[in-house]
């Protein structure tokens, strides 16, 4: 894979994947904490902090995976495959973290847990599609199809994250999660 057009386009695809991850924080509006019971607030705060920490780690890991692809002079099939492997490992860590979150201690906690579980599954499926697209590139002729698949998948993952955030907002009728997200330092890292 020595063609500079091919390597540049693939590097751009991975960079767009990392940039997508950098924007995964959703809408971070500040609000004052609700006057919920202290035990519920603490548990919800821990949940929100863990959720944002998982996304922050994923974002950082994807940026690290894409970094070697920005130097076109050292880009190779091996570095592209390593980036795909690193992105896949980062996504597996994210899905494990999201799956382990459980239910926040709010009245709609089951709905929130289910939305996060669905997001974990969707993100993992997207990473698998991107990995398959990268593995399928053997020549310049394979590039348009791979770029189309990666672009469509990244766009779909963005929609899935947006949908999950909207579900969390809709489920948070008491504003407990919104307050917890606003208070969690790890959520600020997603801005």
N, C-alpha and C. Protein backbone atom coordinates (compact mmCIF):
# COMPACT_ATOMS: atom_id res chain seq x y z
N UNK A 1 0.85 -1.17 0.00
CA UNK A 1 0.00 0.00 0.00
C UNK A 1 0.89 1.24 0.00
N UNK A 2 1.53 1.51 -1.13
CA UNK A 2 2.49 2.61 -1.22
C UNK A 2 1.90 3.85 -1.88
N UNK A 3 0.75 3.76 -2.49
CA UNK A 3 0.14 4.88 -3.18
C UNK A 3 -0.19 5.99 -2.20
N UNK A 4 0.37 7.23 -2.39
CA UNK A 4 0.11 8.32 -1.45
C UNK A 4 -1.35 8.74 -1.39
N UNK A 5 -2.09 8.62 -2.49
CA UNK A 5 -3.50 8.97 -2.47
C UNK A 5 -4.27 8.02 -1.57
N UNK A 6 -3.97 6.74 -1.68
CA UNK A 6 -4.62 5.73 -0.86
C UNK A 6 -4.30 5.96 0.61
N UNK A 7 -3.03 6.14 0.93
CA UNK A 7 -2.65 6.30 2.33
C UNK A 7 -3.22 7.59 2.91
N UNK A 8 -3.23 8.66 2.13
CA UNK A 8 -3.80 9.91 2.63
C UNK A 8 -5.28 9.77 2.91
N UNK A 9 -6.00 9.15 1.99
CA UNK A 9 -7.45 9.00 2.17
C UNK A 9 -7.77 8.13 3.37
N UNK A 10 -7.02 7.05 3.55
CA UNK A 10 -7.26 6.19 4.71
C UNK A 10 -6.90 6.90 6.01
N UNK A 11 -5.82 7.66 5.99
CA UNK A 11 -5.46 8.45 7.18
C UNK A 11 -6.56 9.45 7.50
N UNK A 12 -7.12 10.07 6.47
CA UNK A 12 -8.20 11.03 6.68
C UNK A 12 -9.43 10.34 7.28
N UNK A 13 -9.71 9.12 6.83
CA UNK A 13 -10.85 8.38 7.38
C UNK A 13 -10.65 8.09 8.85
N UNK A 14 -9.45 7.64 9.22
CA UNK A 14 -9.19 7.36 10.63
C UNK A 14 -9.21 8.65 11.45
N UNK A 15 -8.67 9.72 10.88
CA UNK A 15 -8.69 10.99 11.59
C UNK A 15 -10.13 11.45 11.81
N UNK A 16 -10.99 11.23 10.81
CA UNK A 16 -12.39 11.63 10.99
C UNK A 16 -13.06 10.78 12.05
N UNK A 17 -12.66 9.52 12.16
CA UNK A 17 -13.19 8.66 13.21
C UNK A 17 -12.77 9.19 14.58
N UNK A 18 -11.50 9.60 14.69
CA UNK A 18 -11.03 10.16 15.96
C UNK A 18 -11.72 11.49 16.26
N UNK A 19 -11.93 12.30 15.23
CA UNK A 19 -12.62 13.57 15.45
C UNK A 19 -14.06 13.35 15.86
N UNK A 20 -14.69 12.34 15.27
CA UNK A 20 -16.05 11.99 15.68
C UNK A 20 -16.06 11.67 17.18
N UNK A 21 -15.11 10.88 17.60
CA UNK A 21 -15.05 10.49 19.02
C UNK A 21 -14.83 11.71 19.89
N UNK A 22 -14.06 12.66 19.40
CA UNK A 22 -13.81 13.87 20.19
C UNK A 22 -15.09 14.67 20.39
N UNK A 23 -16.04 14.53 19.50
CA UNK A 23 -17.29 15.27 19.62
C UNK A 23 -18.40 14.52 20.32
N UNK A 24 -18.07 13.43 20.95
CA UNK A 24 -19.09 12.57 21.55
C UNK A 24 -19.65 13.08 22.86
N UNK A 25 -19.24 14.22 23.30
CA UNK A 25 -19.69 14.69 24.60
C UNK A 25 -21.13 15.11 24.64
N UNK A 26 -21.71 15.35 23.49
CA UNK A 26 -23.09 15.78 23.49
C UNK A 26 -23.20 17.22 23.93
N UNK A 27 -24.36 17.61 24.35
CA UNK A 27 -24.65 18.97 24.75
C UNK A 27 -24.37 19.12 26.23
N UNK A 28 -23.38 19.95 26.60
CA UNK A 28 -22.98 20.06 27.99
C UNK A 28 -23.41 21.42 28.55
N UNK A 29 -24.70 21.55 28.83
CA UNK A 29 -25.20 22.79 29.40
C UNK A 29 -25.08 22.71 30.91
N UNK A 30 -24.70 23.83 31.50
CA UNK A 30 -24.57 23.85 32.96
C UNK A 30 -25.94 24.04 33.59
N UNK A 31 -26.10 23.45 34.75
CA UNK A 31 -27.32 23.64 35.51
C UNK A 31 -26.98 23.43 36.96
N UNK A 32 -27.83 23.93 37.82
CA UNK A 32 -27.58 23.74 39.24
C UNK A 32 -28.12 22.40 39.67
N UNK A 33 -27.48 21.77 40.67
CA UNK A 33 -27.94 20.46 41.12
C UNK A 33 -29.35 20.53 41.67
N UNK A 34 -30.06 19.43 41.52
CA UNK A 34 -31.40 19.36 42.08
C UNK A 34 -31.30 19.09 43.57
N UNK A 35 -32.40 19.19 44.24
CA UNK A 35 -32.41 18.96 45.68
C UNK A 35 -32.84 17.53 45.98
N UNK A 36 -32.27 16.59 45.23
CA UNK A 36 -32.57 15.18 45.46
C UNK A 36 -31.88 14.71 46.73
N UNK A 37 -32.28 13.56 47.20
CA UNK A 37 -31.67 13.02 48.39
C UNK A 37 -30.18 12.80 48.16
N UNK A 38 -29.37 12.97 49.19
CA UNK A 38 -27.92 12.88 49.06
C UNK A 38 -27.48 11.52 48.52
N UNK A 39 -28.08 10.43 48.99
CA UNK A 39 -27.65 9.12 48.53
C UNK A 39 -27.94 8.92 47.04
N UNK A 40 -29.09 9.42 46.56
CA UNK A 40 -29.42 9.32 45.15
C UNK A 40 -28.48 10.19 44.33
N UNK A 41 -28.21 11.39 44.80
CA UNK A 41 -27.32 12.31 44.11
C UNK A 41 -25.92 11.72 43.97
N UNK A 42 -25.39 11.14 45.04
CA UNK A 42 -24.04 10.58 45.00
C UNK A 42 -23.96 9.43 44.01
N UNK A 43 -24.93 8.54 44.04
CA UNK A 43 -24.93 7.41 43.12
C UNK A 43 -25.07 7.90 41.68
N UNK A 44 -25.92 8.87 41.44
CA UNK A 44 -26.11 9.43 40.11
C UNK A 44 -24.84 10.15 39.66
N UNK A 45 -24.20 10.86 40.60
CA UNK A 45 -22.94 11.53 40.28
C UNK A 45 -21.86 10.53 39.87
N UNK A 46 -21.77 9.44 40.61
CA UNK A 46 -20.79 8.40 40.27
C UNK A 46 -21.08 7.80 38.91
N UNK A 47 -22.34 7.56 38.62
CA UNK A 47 -22.74 7.00 37.34
C UNK A 47 -22.34 7.95 36.21
N UNK A 48 -22.68 9.22 36.37
CA UNK A 48 -22.37 10.22 35.33
C UNK A 48 -20.86 10.33 35.13
N UNK A 49 -20.11 10.34 36.23
CA UNK A 49 -18.66 10.44 36.14
C UNK A 49 -18.08 9.22 35.41
N UNK A 50 -18.59 8.04 35.71
CA UNK A 50 -18.11 6.82 35.04
C UNK A 50 -18.47 6.83 33.55
N UNK A 51 -19.67 7.30 33.23
CA UNK A 51 -20.11 7.38 31.83
C UNK A 51 -19.18 8.31 31.05
N UNK A 52 -18.95 9.50 31.59
CA UNK A 52 -18.09 10.46 30.89
C UNK A 52 -16.63 10.00 30.85
N UNK A 53 -16.16 9.36 31.91
CA UNK A 53 -14.79 8.84 31.93
C UNK A 53 -14.60 7.81 30.82
N UNK A 54 -15.60 6.94 30.64
CA UNK A 54 -15.51 5.92 29.58
C UNK A 54 -15.43 6.57 28.21
N UNK A 55 -16.26 7.60 27.97
CA UNK A 55 -16.23 8.28 26.67
C UNK A 55 -14.94 9.06 26.48
N UNK A 56 -14.43 9.68 27.53
CA UNK A 56 -13.17 10.43 27.45
C UNK A 56 -12.01 9.50 27.12
N UNK A 57 -11.96 8.36 27.80
CA UNK A 57 -10.90 7.39 27.53
C UNK A 57 -10.96 6.92 26.08
N UNK A 58 -12.18 6.63 25.61
CA UNK A 58 -12.37 6.19 24.22
C UNK A 58 -11.90 7.26 23.24
N UNK A 59 -12.32 8.49 23.48
CA UNK A 59 -11.92 9.60 22.62
C UNK A 59 -10.40 9.70 22.56
N UNK A 60 -9.75 9.68 23.71
CA UNK A 60 -8.29 9.80 23.76
C UNK A 60 -7.60 8.63 23.07
N UNK A 61 -8.12 7.43 23.29
CA UNK A 61 -7.52 6.24 22.67
C UNK A 61 -7.67 6.27 21.15
N UNK A 62 -8.82 6.76 20.65
CA UNK A 62 -9.00 6.87 19.20
C UNK A 62 -8.08 7.92 18.60
N UNK A 63 -7.91 9.02 19.31
CA UNK A 63 -6.98 10.05 18.83
C UNK A 63 -5.56 9.49 18.78
N UNK A 64 -5.17 8.72 19.79
CA UNK A 64 -3.85 8.09 19.80
C UNK A 64 -3.71 7.09 18.65
N UNK A 65 -4.77 6.33 18.38
CA UNK A 65 -4.73 5.36 17.29
C UNK A 65 -4.58 6.05 15.94
N UNK A 66 -5.20 7.21 15.77
CA UNK A 66 -5.15 7.93 14.49
C UNK A 66 -3.86 8.72 14.32
N UNK A 67 -3.18 9.05 15.40
CA UNK A 67 -1.98 9.90 15.35
C UNK A 67 -0.91 9.39 14.37
N UNK A 68 -0.53 8.11 14.40
CA UNK A 68 0.51 7.66 13.46
C UNK A 68 0.10 7.79 11.99
N UNK A 69 -1.16 7.91 11.73
CA UNK A 69 -1.63 8.00 10.35
C UNK A 69 -1.52 9.40 9.77
N UNK A 70 -1.17 10.36 10.61
CA UNK A 70 -1.06 11.73 10.11
C UNK A 70 0.27 11.99 9.41
N UNK A 71 1.27 11.15 9.65
CA UNK A 71 2.57 11.27 8.98
C UNK A 71 2.57 10.35 7.77
N UNK A 72 2.27 10.92 6.62
CA UNK A 72 2.13 10.12 5.41
C UNK A 72 3.43 9.44 5.00
N UNK A 73 4.57 10.00 5.39
CA UNK A 73 5.83 9.40 4.99
C UNK A 73 6.08 8.06 5.67
N UNK A 74 5.47 7.85 6.83
CA UNK A 74 5.70 6.58 7.53
C UNK A 74 4.45 5.68 7.53
N UNK A 75 3.46 6.07 6.76
CA UNK A 75 2.23 5.28 6.70
C UNK A 75 2.44 4.01 5.91
N UNK A 76 1.99 2.92 6.46
CA UNK A 76 2.14 1.62 5.80
C UNK A 76 0.89 0.79 6.07
N UNK A 77 0.83 -0.34 5.39
CA UNK A 77 -0.28 -1.24 5.63
C UNK A 77 -0.29 -1.68 7.10
N UNK A 78 0.91 -1.91 7.65
CA UNK A 78 1.01 -2.32 9.05
C UNK A 78 0.52 -1.23 10.00
N UNK A 79 0.89 0.04 9.73
CA UNK A 79 0.44 1.12 10.62
C UNK A 79 -1.06 1.32 10.52
N UNK A 80 -1.60 1.13 9.33
CA UNK A 80 -3.05 1.24 9.15
C UNK A 80 -3.76 0.12 9.91
N UNK A 81 -3.24 -1.09 9.81
CA UNK A 81 -3.84 -2.21 10.53
C UNK A 81 -3.70 -2.01 12.04
N UNK A 82 -2.54 -1.48 12.48
CA UNK A 82 -2.35 -1.23 13.91
C UNK A 82 -3.36 -0.20 14.41
N UNK A 83 -3.61 0.83 13.61
CA UNK A 83 -4.60 1.84 13.99
C UNK A 83 -5.98 1.22 14.11
N UNK A 84 -6.30 0.33 13.17
CA UNK A 84 -7.60 -0.35 13.23
C UNK A 84 -7.69 -1.23 14.47
N UNK A 85 -6.60 -1.94 14.77
CA UNK A 85 -6.58 -2.80 15.96
C UNK A 85 -6.71 -1.97 17.24
N UNK A 86 -5.99 -0.84 17.28
CA UNK A 86 -6.06 0.04 18.47
C UNK A 86 -7.45 0.64 18.64
N UNK A 87 -8.07 1.04 17.52
CA UNK A 87 -9.42 1.59 17.59
C UNK A 87 -10.41 0.52 18.05
N UNK A 88 -10.21 -0.69 17.58
CA UNK A 88 -11.08 -1.80 17.99
C UNK A 88 -10.92 -2.08 19.50
N UNK A 89 -9.67 -2.10 19.98
CA UNK A 89 -9.42 -2.33 21.41
C UNK A 89 -10.03 -1.22 22.25
N UNK A 90 -9.90 0.02 21.79
CA UNK A 90 -10.49 1.15 22.51
C UNK A 90 -12.00 1.03 22.59
N UNK A 91 -12.60 0.59 21.50
CA UNK A 91 -14.05 0.44 21.47
C UNK A 91 -14.51 -0.71 22.34
N UNK A 92 -13.73 -1.79 22.38
CA UNK A 92 -14.06 -2.89 23.28
C UNK A 92 -14.01 -2.45 24.74
N UNK A 93 -13.00 -1.62 25.07
CA UNK A 93 -12.91 -1.08 26.43
C UNK A 93 -14.12 -0.21 26.73
N UNK A 94 -14.52 0.62 25.77
CA UNK A 94 -15.70 1.47 25.96
C UNK A 94 -16.94 0.62 26.18
N UNK A 95 -17.15 -0.38 25.35
CA UNK A 95 -18.36 -1.18 25.49
C UNK A 95 -18.37 -1.93 26.82
N UNK A 96 -17.21 -2.42 27.25
CA UNK A 96 -17.13 -3.06 28.56
C UNK A 96 -17.48 -2.08 29.67
N UNK A 97 -16.93 -0.86 29.56
CA UNK A 97 -17.20 0.16 30.58
C UNK A 97 -18.67 0.54 30.61
N UNK A 98 -19.25 0.76 29.44
CA UNK A 98 -20.67 1.14 29.38
C UNK A 98 -21.55 0.00 29.87
N UNK A 99 -21.19 -1.21 29.51
CA UNK A 99 -21.99 -2.37 29.95
C UNK A 99 -21.92 -2.55 31.46
N UNK A 100 -20.81 -2.16 32.06
CA UNK A 100 -20.64 -2.30 33.50
C UNK A 100 -21.24 -1.18 34.32
N UNK A 101 -21.75 -0.15 33.68
CA UNK A 101 -22.31 0.98 34.41
C UNK A 101 -23.54 0.61 35.23
N UNK A 102 -24.34 -0.23 34.68
CA UNK A 102 -25.57 -0.57 35.37
C UNK A 102 -26.59 0.54 35.28
N UNK A 103 -27.34 0.70 36.34
CA UNK A 103 -28.50 1.59 36.36
C UNK A 103 -28.22 2.76 37.30
N UNK A 104 -28.39 4.00 36.82
CA UNK A 104 -28.27 5.12 37.75
C UNK A 104 -29.45 5.13 38.72
N UNK A 105 -29.24 5.68 39.88
CA UNK A 105 -30.27 5.67 40.92
C UNK A 105 -31.26 6.82 40.72
N UNK A 106 -32.00 6.72 39.62
CA UNK A 106 -33.07 7.68 39.34
C UNK A 106 -34.30 6.86 38.94
N UNK A 107 -35.45 7.51 38.93
CA UNK A 107 -36.69 6.78 38.66
C UNK A 107 -36.68 6.12 37.28
N UNK A 108 -36.02 6.73 36.32
CA UNK A 108 -35.97 6.16 34.97
C UNK A 108 -34.65 5.44 34.72
N UNK A 109 -34.05 4.95 35.77
CA UNK A 109 -32.75 4.30 35.66
C UNK A 109 -32.71 3.13 34.70
N UNK A 110 -33.79 2.35 34.65
CA UNK A 110 -33.82 1.21 33.72
C UNK A 110 -33.78 1.68 32.27
N UNK A 111 -34.50 2.74 31.97
CA UNK A 111 -34.51 3.29 30.61
C UNK A 111 -33.13 3.82 30.25
N UNK A 112 -32.46 4.49 31.19
CA UNK A 112 -31.12 5.02 30.95
C UNK A 112 -30.15 3.86 30.73
N UNK A 113 -30.21 2.85 31.59
CA UNK A 113 -29.32 1.68 31.45
C UNK A 113 -29.51 1.03 30.08
N UNK A 114 -30.76 0.84 29.66
CA UNK A 114 -31.03 0.21 28.37
C UNK A 114 -30.48 1.05 27.21
N UNK A 115 -30.61 2.37 27.29
CA UNK A 115 -30.09 3.25 26.24
C UNK A 115 -28.58 3.14 26.15
N UNK A 116 -27.90 3.08 27.28
CA UNK A 116 -26.45 2.97 27.31
C UNK A 116 -26.00 1.59 26.79
N UNK A 117 -26.74 0.55 27.14
CA UNK A 117 -26.43 -0.79 26.63
C UNK A 117 -26.57 -0.83 25.10
N UNK A 118 -27.64 -0.21 24.60
CA UNK A 118 -27.84 -0.15 23.15
C UNK A 118 -26.71 0.63 22.48
N UNK A 119 -26.29 1.73 23.09
CA UNK A 119 -25.19 2.52 22.55
C UNK A 119 -23.91 1.69 22.50
N UNK A 120 -23.63 0.94 23.56
CA UNK A 120 -22.43 0.09 23.59
C UNK A 120 -22.45 -0.90 22.44
N UNK A 121 -23.59 -1.52 22.21
CA UNK A 121 -23.71 -2.49 21.12
C UNK A 121 -23.54 -1.81 19.76
N UNK A 122 -24.17 -0.66 19.58
CA UNK A 122 -24.09 0.06 18.31
C UNK A 122 -22.67 0.51 18.00
N UNK A 123 -21.96 1.03 19.00
CA UNK A 123 -20.59 1.50 18.81
C UNK A 123 -19.68 0.31 18.47
N UNK A 124 -19.87 -0.79 19.15
CA UNK A 124 -19.06 -1.98 18.86
C UNK A 124 -19.31 -2.48 17.44
N UNK A 125 -20.57 -2.49 17.02
CA UNK A 125 -20.89 -2.90 15.65
C UNK A 125 -20.26 -1.96 14.63
N UNK A 126 -20.28 -0.66 14.92
CA UNK A 126 -19.65 0.31 14.02
C UNK A 126 -18.15 0.09 13.92
N UNK A 127 -17.50 -0.16 15.03
CA UNK A 127 -16.06 -0.42 15.02
C UNK A 127 -15.74 -1.67 14.21
N UNK A 128 -16.57 -2.69 14.31
CA UNK A 128 -16.37 -3.91 13.52
C UNK A 128 -16.49 -3.62 12.03
N UNK A 129 -17.45 -2.77 11.65
CA UNK A 129 -17.62 -2.42 10.24
C UNK A 129 -16.41 -1.65 9.71
N UNK A 130 -15.90 -0.72 10.52
CA UNK A 130 -14.73 0.06 10.11
C UNK A 130 -13.51 -0.85 9.98
N UNK A 131 -13.33 -1.74 10.95
CA UNK A 131 -12.21 -2.67 10.89
C UNK A 131 -12.28 -3.53 9.63
N UNK A 132 -13.47 -4.02 9.31
CA UNK A 132 -13.63 -4.84 8.11
C UNK A 132 -13.32 -4.04 6.85
N UNK A 133 -13.72 -2.77 6.83
CA UNK A 133 -13.45 -1.93 5.66
C UNK A 133 -11.95 -1.72 5.48
N UNK A 134 -11.24 -1.50 6.58
CA UNK A 134 -9.79 -1.29 6.50
C UNK A 134 -9.10 -2.58 6.06
N UNK A 135 -9.53 -3.70 6.61
CA UNK A 135 -8.92 -4.98 6.23
C UNK A 135 -9.16 -5.32 4.77
N UNK A 136 -10.24 -4.79 4.20
CA UNK A 136 -10.57 -5.08 2.81
C UNK A 136 -9.81 -4.25 1.80
N UNK A 137 -9.00 -3.29 2.25
CA UNK A 137 -8.26 -2.44 1.32
C UNK A 137 -6.94 -3.11 0.95
N UNK A 138 -6.85 -3.53 -0.31
CA UNK A 138 -5.63 -4.15 -0.80
C UNK A 138 -5.01 -3.36 -1.94
N UNK A 139 -5.81 -2.44 -2.51
CA UNK A 139 -5.32 -1.64 -3.62
C UNK A 139 -6.14 -0.35 -3.70
N UNK A 140 -5.70 0.53 -4.58
CA UNK A 140 -6.41 1.79 -4.79
C UNK A 140 -7.85 1.53 -5.24
N UNK A 141 -8.07 0.46 -5.94
CA UNK A 141 -9.42 0.14 -6.43
C UNK A 141 -10.40 -0.11 -5.29
N UNK A 142 -9.87 -0.55 -4.14
CA UNK A 142 -10.73 -0.83 -2.99
C UNK A 142 -11.05 0.41 -2.17
N UNK A 143 -10.33 1.49 -2.44
CA UNK A 143 -10.45 2.70 -1.63
C UNK A 143 -11.83 3.33 -1.61
N UNK A 144 -12.48 3.57 -2.76
CA UNK A 144 -13.80 4.23 -2.72
C UNK A 144 -14.82 3.49 -1.86
N UNK A 145 -14.85 2.19 -1.98
CA UNK A 145 -15.80 1.40 -1.20
C UNK A 145 -15.48 1.49 0.30
N UNK A 146 -14.20 1.41 0.64
CA UNK A 146 -13.79 1.49 2.05
C UNK A 146 -14.13 2.86 2.63
N UNK A 147 -13.82 3.92 1.88
CA UNK A 147 -14.11 5.28 2.36
C UNK A 147 -15.61 5.45 2.54
N UNK A 148 -16.39 4.96 1.60
CA UNK A 148 -17.84 5.06 1.71
C UNK A 148 -18.34 4.34 2.96
N UNK A 149 -17.84 3.13 3.19
CA UNK A 149 -18.24 2.35 4.37
C UNK A 149 -17.84 3.06 5.66
N UNK A 150 -16.61 3.54 5.73
CA UNK A 150 -16.12 4.20 6.94
C UNK A 150 -16.90 5.47 7.20
N UNK A 151 -17.11 6.29 6.16
CA UNK A 151 -17.84 7.54 6.31
C UNK A 151 -19.28 7.29 6.76
N UNK A 152 -19.93 6.33 6.12
CA UNK A 152 -21.31 6.00 6.50
C UNK A 152 -21.38 5.48 7.93
N UNK A 153 -20.41 4.65 8.29
CA UNK A 153 -20.40 4.08 9.64
C UNK A 153 -20.15 5.14 10.69
N UNK A 154 -19.18 6.02 10.45
CA UNK A 154 -18.88 7.10 11.40
C UNK A 154 -20.09 8.01 11.56
N UNK A 155 -20.74 8.34 10.45
CA UNK A 155 -21.95 9.16 10.51
C UNK A 155 -23.04 8.45 11.32
N UNK A 156 -23.19 7.16 11.07
CA UNK A 156 -24.19 6.38 11.82
C UNK A 156 -23.87 6.33 13.30
N UNK A 157 -22.58 6.19 13.64
CA UNK A 157 -22.19 6.16 15.06
C UNK A 157 -22.50 7.50 15.71
N UNK A 158 -22.28 8.58 14.97
CA UNK A 158 -22.62 9.90 15.50
C UNK A 158 -24.11 10.02 15.78
N UNK A 159 -24.91 9.50 14.86
CA UNK A 159 -26.37 9.52 15.07
C UNK A 159 -26.76 8.67 16.27
N UNK A 160 -26.09 7.53 16.44
CA UNK A 160 -26.39 6.65 17.57
C UNK A 160 -26.04 7.32 18.90
N UNK A 161 -24.90 8.01 18.94
CA UNK A 161 -24.53 8.73 20.16
C UNK A 161 -25.54 9.84 20.43
N UNK A 162 -25.89 10.60 19.39
CA UNK A 162 -26.89 11.65 19.55
C UNK A 162 -28.22 11.08 20.04
N UNK A 163 -28.62 9.95 19.47
CA UNK A 163 -29.87 9.31 19.88
C UNK A 163 -29.83 8.87 21.33
N UNK A 164 -28.68 8.32 21.75
CA UNK A 164 -28.54 7.89 23.15
C UNK A 164 -28.59 9.08 24.09
N UNK A 165 -27.91 10.16 23.71
CA UNK A 165 -27.93 11.38 24.54
C UNK A 165 -29.36 11.91 24.64
N UNK A 166 -30.08 11.91 23.52
CA UNK A 166 -31.46 12.38 23.55
C UNK A 166 -32.33 11.50 24.44
N UNK A 167 -32.12 10.19 24.37
CA UNK A 167 -32.86 9.26 25.23
C UNK A 167 -32.55 9.54 26.70
N UNK A 168 -31.28 9.79 27.01
CA UNK A 168 -30.91 10.11 28.39
C UNK A 168 -31.59 11.40 28.84
N UNK A 169 -31.60 12.40 27.97
CA UNK A 169 -32.26 13.67 28.30
C UNK A 169 -33.76 13.47 28.50
N UNK A 170 -34.38 12.70 27.63
CA UNK A 170 -35.82 12.46 27.73
C UNK A 170 -36.17 11.69 29.00
N UNK A 171 -35.31 10.75 29.37
CA UNK A 171 -35.56 9.93 30.55
C UNK A 171 -35.31 10.69 31.85
N UNK A 172 -34.54 11.75 31.76
CA UNK A 172 -34.11 12.50 32.95
C UNK A 172 -35.13 13.60 33.29
N UNK A 173 -36.36 13.19 33.59
CA UNK A 173 -37.43 14.16 33.83
C UNK A 173 -37.16 15.02 35.06
N UNK A 174 -36.45 14.51 36.03
CA UNK A 174 -36.15 15.27 37.24
C UNK A 174 -34.89 16.11 37.14
N UNK A 175 -34.15 15.99 36.05
CA UNK A 175 -32.93 16.76 35.86
C UNK A 175 -31.74 16.25 36.67
N UNK A 176 -31.87 15.06 37.25
CA UNK A 176 -30.79 14.54 38.09
C UNK A 176 -29.52 14.22 37.30
N UNK A 177 -29.69 13.59 36.13
CA UNK A 177 -28.52 13.27 35.32
C UNK A 177 -27.88 14.53 34.76
N UNK A 178 -28.68 15.47 34.33
CA UNK A 178 -28.15 16.71 33.79
C UNK A 178 -27.29 17.41 34.83
N UNK A 179 -27.76 17.46 36.05
CA UNK A 179 -26.99 18.07 37.13
C UNK A 179 -25.71 17.27 37.40
N UNK A 180 -25.82 15.94 37.38
CA UNK A 180 -24.64 15.10 37.62
C UNK A 180 -23.61 15.26 36.51
N UNK A 181 -24.07 15.35 35.27
CA UNK A 181 -23.14 15.56 34.15
C UNK A 181 -22.46 16.93 34.27
N UNK A 182 -23.21 17.94 34.66
CA UNK A 182 -22.65 19.27 34.82
C UNK A 182 -21.62 19.32 35.93
N UNK A 183 -21.80 18.52 36.98
CA UNK A 183 -20.88 18.53 38.13
C UNK A 183 -19.67 17.64 37.95
N UNK A 184 -19.73 16.65 37.08
CA UNK A 184 -18.64 15.69 36.94
C UNK A 184 -17.46 16.29 36.14
N UNK A 185 -16.29 16.30 36.74
CA UNK A 185 -15.10 16.81 36.06
C UNK A 185 -14.82 16.06 34.75
N UNK A 186 -15.07 14.75 34.76
CA UNK A 186 -14.79 13.95 33.58
C UNK A 186 -15.69 14.35 32.41
N UNK A 187 -16.86 14.89 32.68
CA UNK A 187 -17.75 15.32 31.60
C UNK A 187 -17.24 16.61 30.95
N UNK A 188 -16.57 17.43 31.72
CA UNK A 188 -15.99 18.65 31.18
C UNK A 188 -14.91 18.35 30.15
N UNK A 189 -14.26 17.21 30.28
CA UNK A 189 -13.19 16.82 29.34
C UNK A 189 -13.75 16.49 27.96
N UNK A 190 -15.04 16.32 27.84
CA UNK A 190 -15.65 15.98 26.56
C UNK A 190 -16.05 17.21 25.76
N UNK A 191 -15.89 18.37 26.30
CA UNK A 191 -16.26 19.60 25.57
C UNK A 191 -15.41 19.80 24.35
